[in-house]
Amino acid sequence: MTETGYVVEDALDLLESLESDAVALCHLDDAWSRPGRQGEFGVEYPTHEFDQTRALLDEIRRVLKPGGWLIADADDWLLPRLLDYLCGEWGDVPASSRYTGGGYRRVGGVVYVNARGDPDTSTPGQYLSNAGYPVVFGHAGATERRSTAGARQPARHPRRTEPGYPYGWGSVKPVAPYRRWIEALTDGGETVLVPCAGTAPAAIAAEATGRDWLAVDVEPEARSAFERRRSVRSRQQSLGEATGDGGGRV
């Protein structure tokens, strides 16, 4: 699989059309899985129960290569349900004394920091988690991949570092953490899949590191916001401006 681009389509429909064992890493930001979230961040977007997330994860497991990685953003509602699903359906790697299987590996997260590197406590704590959000890591079957990249990464909030934020979208996450994880868990030329993409920080990170990528979102406005964000970051890089969110910086 070597496609690169952003598709406006239902994420589950796209996943079902992909070949098995085609993707090295999938970043799933299923932000709208929590019932009752409709209208938050100013985005009108359909919400769904966890059964829809489960269907997405079933297909992600199919399209991942053996040993391929899942990076799944969560909130306090989604996190326990996601862990129960992964441990029950994919396996529970920490419970294996030899780490020979696959499945749930660990919970990390993104920690928003200010210019001094301290936790950015000005971030609204809408989900009982100030200054960031949890991220769940798992892999499809046993993996040989070893990395010292931390599962918990600091980052400046995009609203403080990216001109044009929020690009006409509602919830925009930083690029730097996903760049570090993608570099650690994939090789150049492998494919990164980004369903429920929004402004697709993982797709931007994949492109910057020489990976193929495929992003999908049901909303045309999401792709438009992604293109605006991608253009802004491209101009910053060509001018040599520090974004505070790329490369080896937070």
Protein backbone atom coordinates (compact mmCIF):
# COMPACT_ATOMS: atom_id res chain seq x y z
CA MET A 1 0.00 0.00 0.00
CA THR A 2 1.64 3.24 -1.14
CA GLU A 3 -1.28 5.67 -1.41
CA THR A 4 -0.74 9.15 -0.03
CA GLY A 5 -3.55 11.63 0.37
CA TYR A 6 -6.59 12.81 2.32
CA VAL A 7 -9.91 11.19 1.43
CA VAL A 8 -13.37 12.51 2.33
CA GLU A 9 -15.26 9.33 3.12
CA ASP A 10 -16.65 7.33 6.01
CA ALA A 11 -13.62 5.93 7.85
CA LEU A 12 -15.12 2.47 8.31
CA ASP A 13 -15.99 2.21 4.61
CA LEU A 14 -12.43 3.13 3.66
CA LEU A 15 -10.91 0.67 6.13
CA GLU A 16 -13.07 -2.13 4.78
CA SER A 17 -11.77 -1.40 1.27
CA LEU A 18 -8.09 -1.75 2.23
CA GLU A 19 -6.02 -4.90 1.88
CA SER A 20 -5.02 -6.84 4.98
CA ASP A 21 -1.52 -6.42 6.45
CA ALA A 22 -0.93 -3.19 4.50
CA VAL A 23 -0.29 -0.57 7.19
CA ALA A 24 2.69 -0.14 9.53
CA LEU A 25 1.02 2.25 12.00
CA CYS A 26 -2.45 3.66 12.57
CA HIS A 27 -3.23 6.81 14.52
CA LEU A 28 -6.88 6.81 15.62
CA ASP A 29 -8.30 9.99 17.11
CA ASP A 30 -11.90 8.91 17.57
CA ALA A 31 -12.73 12.11 19.42
CA TRP A 32 -16.43 11.89 18.66
CA SER A 33 -17.02 8.47 20.18
CA ARG A 34 -18.36 9.87 23.45
CA PRO A 35 -22.15 10.25 23.42
CA GLY A 36 -23.30 13.75 24.27
CA ARG A 37 -20.22 15.50 22.91
CA GLN A 38 -22.16 17.01 20.03
CA GLY A 39 -21.27 20.64 19.40
CA GLU A 40 -18.20 20.85 21.67
CA PHE A 41 -15.30 22.89 20.29
CA GLY A 42 -17.82 24.49 17.92
CA VAL A 43 -17.79 21.49 15.56
CA GLU A 44 -21.06 19.96 14.42
CA TYR A 45 -20.11 16.31 14.05
CA PRO A 46 -22.07 13.07 14.52
CA THR A 47 -21.28 11.16 17.70
CA HIS A 48 -21.56 7.43 18.25
CA GLU A 49 -21.43 4.73 20.89
CA PHE A 50 -18.36 2.52 21.49
CA ASP A 51 -19.73 -0.15 19.14
CA GLN A 52 -18.71 2.09 16.24
CA THR A 53 -15.22 2.48 17.70
CA ARG A 54 -15.03 -1.28 18.13
CA ALA A 55 -15.86 -1.76 14.43
CA LEU A 56 -13.11 0.70 13.48
CA LEU A 57 -10.60 -1.09 15.71
CA ASP A 58 -11.54 -4.50 14.30
CA GLU A 59 -10.72 -3.24 10.81
CA ILE A 60 -7.56 -1.49 11.97
CA ARG A 61 -6.35 -4.80 13.42
CA ARG A 62 -6.96 -6.46 10.04
CA VAL A 63 -5.11 -3.86 7.94
CA LEU A 64 -2.09 -3.58 10.26
CA LYS A 65 0.99 -5.57 9.34
CA PRO A 66 2.07 -8.26 11.83
CA GLY A 67 3.67 -6.24 14.61
CA GLY A 68 2.15 -3.00 13.29
CA TRP A 69 1.30 -0.34 15.84
CA LEU A 70 -1.88 1.38 16.98
CA ILE A 71 -1.67 4.85 18.55
CA ALA A 72 -5.11 5.78 19.88
CA ASP A 73 -5.94 9.11 21.49
CA ALA A 74 -8.47 8.90 24.30
CA ASP A 75 -10.35 10.89 26.90
CA ASP A 76 -11.69 9.82 30.26
CA TRP A 77 -14.84 8.29 28.76
CA LEU A 78 -13.07 6.40 25.99
CA LEU A 79 -9.95 5.24 27.86
CA PRO A 80 -11.42 2.40 30.02
CA ARG A 81 -13.53 1.09 27.15
CA LEU A 82 -10.55 1.14 24.80
CA LEU A 83 -8.36 -0.74 27.28
CA ASP A 84 -11.04 -3.38 27.91
CA TYR A 85 -11.45 -3.92 24.17
CA LEU A 86 -7.74 -4.13 23.38
CA CYS A 87 -6.92 -6.50 26.23
CA GLY A 88 -9.86 -8.74 25.40
CA GLU A 89 -9.61 -8.75 21.60
CA TRP A 90 -5.98 -8.01 20.70
CA GLY A 91 -4.24 -9.35 23.80
CA ASP A 92 -2.57 -7.93 26.89
CA VAL A 93 1.19 -7.64 26.34
CA PRO A 94 2.10 -6.49 29.89
CA ALA A 95 0.39 -9.62 31.27
CA SER A 96 2.76 -11.84 29.26
CA SER A 97 6.01 -12.64 31.08
CA ARG A 98 7.89 -13.03 27.77
CA TYR A 99 6.29 -10.14 25.84
CA THR A 100 5.87 -12.50 22.89
CA GLY A 101 2.30 -11.67 21.99
CA GLY A 102 0.51 -8.61 20.79
CA GLY A 103 -2.23 -6.29 21.91
CA TYR A 104 -2.36 -3.52 24.50
CA ARG A 105 1.15 -2.33 25.39
CA ARG A 106 0.80 0.77 27.58
CA VAL A 107 -0.87 4.10 28.24
CA GLY A 108 1.13 7.23 27.53
CA GLY A 109 -0.04 10.68 26.62
CA VAL A 110 0.60 14.19 25.42
CA VAL A 111 1.46 16.72 28.12
CA TYR A 112 0.95 20.34 27.15
CA VAL A 113 3.74 22.57 28.45
CA ASN A 114 4.37 26.30 28.45
CA ALA A 115 7.44 28.08 27.10
CA ARG A 116 9.39 27.19 30.27
CA GLY A 117 8.57 23.49 29.90
CA ASP A 118 6.18 23.44 32.87
CA PRO A 119 2.70 21.85 32.56
CA ASP A 120 0.37 24.29 30.83
CA THR A 121 -2.35 24.51 33.45
CA SER A 122 -4.24 27.07 31.40
CA THR A 123 -5.50 24.17 29.25
CA PRO A 124 -9.21 23.61 30.04
CA GLY A 125 -9.73 20.40 31.99
CA GLN A 126 -12.98 19.42 30.33
CA TYR A 127 -12.39 15.67 30.75
CA LEU A 128 -10.76 15.61 34.19
CA SER A 129 -7.31 15.78 32.60
CA ASN A 130 -5.56 19.14 32.65
CA ALA A 131 -2.66 19.92 30.34
CA GLY A 132 -3.01 17.10 27.84
CA TYR A 133 -4.71 13.80 27.06
CA PRO A 134 -4.03 10.05 27.34
CA VAL A 135 -2.74 8.00 24.39
CA VAL A 136 -2.98 4.21 24.20
CA PHE A 137 -0.36 2.09 22.44
CA GLY A 138 -0.82 -1.44 21.15
CA HIS A 139 0.44 -3.67 18.36
CA ALA A 140 -1.01 -6.35 16.10
CA GLY A 141 0.77 -9.53 17.15
CA ALA A 142 4.36 -9.86 18.33
CA THR A 143 6.79 -7.15 17.30
CA GLU A 144 10.57 -6.99 17.05
CA ARG A 145 10.49 -3.20 17.25
CA ARG A 146 12.50 -1.66 20.08
CA SER A 147 12.55 2.05 20.79
CA THR A 148 13.56 4.46 23.54
CA ALA A 149 10.97 7.06 22.49
CA GLY A 150 8.82 7.93 25.49
CA ALA A 151 5.16 6.99 25.50
CA ARG A 152 4.51 10.31 27.24
CA GLN A 153 5.57 13.36 25.22
CA PRO A 154 5.61 17.11 26.02
CA ALA A 155 4.26 19.54 23.43
CA ARG A 156 3.30 23.17 23.08
CA HIS A 157 -0.40 23.62 22.37
CA PRO A 158 -0.90 24.44 18.67
CA ARG A 159 -2.87 27.56 19.52
CA ARG A 160 0.38 29.00 20.94
CA THR A 161 2.69 27.92 18.12
CA GLU A 162 0.81 27.71 14.82
CA PRO A 163 -0.43 30.83 12.97
CA GLY A 164 -3.94 30.25 11.71
CA TYR A 165 -4.98 27.91 14.55
CA PRO A 166 -7.57 26.31 14.55
CA TYR A 167 -7.70 26.48 10.72
CA GLY A 168 -11.49 26.48 10.68
CA TRP A 169 -11.71 23.26 12.71
CA GLY A 170 -12.49 22.65 16.35
CA SER A 171 -9.96 20.34 18.01
CA VAL A 172 -6.36 20.59 16.75
CA LYS A 173 -3.58 18.47 18.28
CA PRO A 174 0.20 18.99 18.05
CA VAL A 175 2.38 17.30 15.44
CA ALA A 176 5.62 16.76 17.39
CA PRO A 177 4.56 13.80 19.59
CA TYR A 178 3.26 11.84 16.60
CA ARG A 179 6.44 12.58 14.66
CA ARG A 180 8.54 11.10 17.45
CA TRP A 181 6.35 8.01 17.71
CA ILE A 182 6.18 7.49 13.94
CA GLU A 183 9.96 7.79 13.62
CA ALA A 184 10.39 5.32 16.47
CA LEU A 185 7.87 2.70 15.36
CA THR A 186 8.07 2.72 11.54
CA ASP A 187 10.64 2.84 8.76
CA GLY A 188 10.83 5.22 5.82
CA GLY A 189 8.48 4.22 3.01
CA GLU A 190 6.04 2.39 5.28
CA THR A 191 2.42 3.53 5.43
CA VAL A 192 0.75 5.47 8.24
CA LEU A 193 -3.05 5.36 8.29
CA VAL A 194 -5.07 8.16 9.91
CA PRO A 195 -8.83 7.47 10.16
CA CYS A 196 -11.08 10.11 11.77
CA ALA A 197 -8.29 12.47 10.76
CA GLY A 198 -9.47 16.01 11.48
CA THR A 199 -6.41 18.21 10.86
CA ALA A 200 -4.35 14.98 10.82
CA PRO A 201 -1.19 15.71 12.84
CA ALA A 202 0.01 12.14 12.24
CA ALA A 203 -0.32 12.57 8.46
CA ILE A 204 1.72 15.79 8.61
CA ALA A 205 4.32 13.98 10.74
CA ALA A 206 4.39 10.99 8.37
CA GLU A 207 4.93 13.22 5.34
CA ALA A 208 7.75 15.11 7.10
CA THR A 209 9.57 11.85 7.89
CA GLY A 210 9.31 10.17 4.49
CA ARG A 211 6.47 7.78 5.25
CA ASP A 212 3.52 7.15 2.97
CA TRP A 213 0.23 8.18 4.54
CA LEU A 214 -3.50 7.93 4.02
CA ALA A 215 -5.94 10.09 5.99
CA VAL A 216 -9.73 9.95 5.96
CA ASP A 217 -12.53 11.97 7.50
CA VAL A 218 -16.23 12.15 6.68
CA GLU A 219 -16.25 15.96 6.82
CA PRO A 220 -15.03 18.02 3.82
CA GLU A 221 -14.31 20.87 6.24
CA ALA A 222 -11.78 18.66 8.02
CA ARG A 223 -9.79 18.15 4.84
CA SER A 224 -9.91 21.88 4.11
CA ALA A 225 -8.61 22.61 7.62
CA PHE A 226 -5.86 20.02 7.12
CA GLU A 227 -4.77 21.65 3.84
CA ARG A 228 -4.63 25.07 5.52
CA ARG A 229 -2.57 23.65 8.38
CA ARG A 230 -0.26 21.78 6.03
CA SER A 231 0.31 24.95 3.98
CA VAL A 232 1.10 27.04 7.08
CA ARG A 233 3.63 24.50 8.33
CA SER A 234 5.22 24.23 4.90
CA ARG A 235 5.71 28.01 4.78
CA GLN A 236 7.18 28.02 8.27
CA GLN A 237 9.65 25.30 7.37
CA SER A 238 10.68 26.97 4.10
CA LEU A 239 11.34 30.22 5.99
CA GLY A 240 13.27 28.39 8.68
CA GLU A 241 10.89 29.54 11.39
CA ALA A 242 10.66 27.56 14.59
CA THR A 243 7.11 26.41 15.18
CA GLY A 244 7.76 25.13 18.68
CA ASP A 245 6.05 21.94 17.57
CA GLY A 246 8.28 20.15 15.09
CA GLY A 247 11.55 18.32 14.74
CA GLY A 248 13.17 17.68 18.08
CA ARG A 249 11.44 20.59 19.81
CA VAL A 250 8.32 20.77 21.92
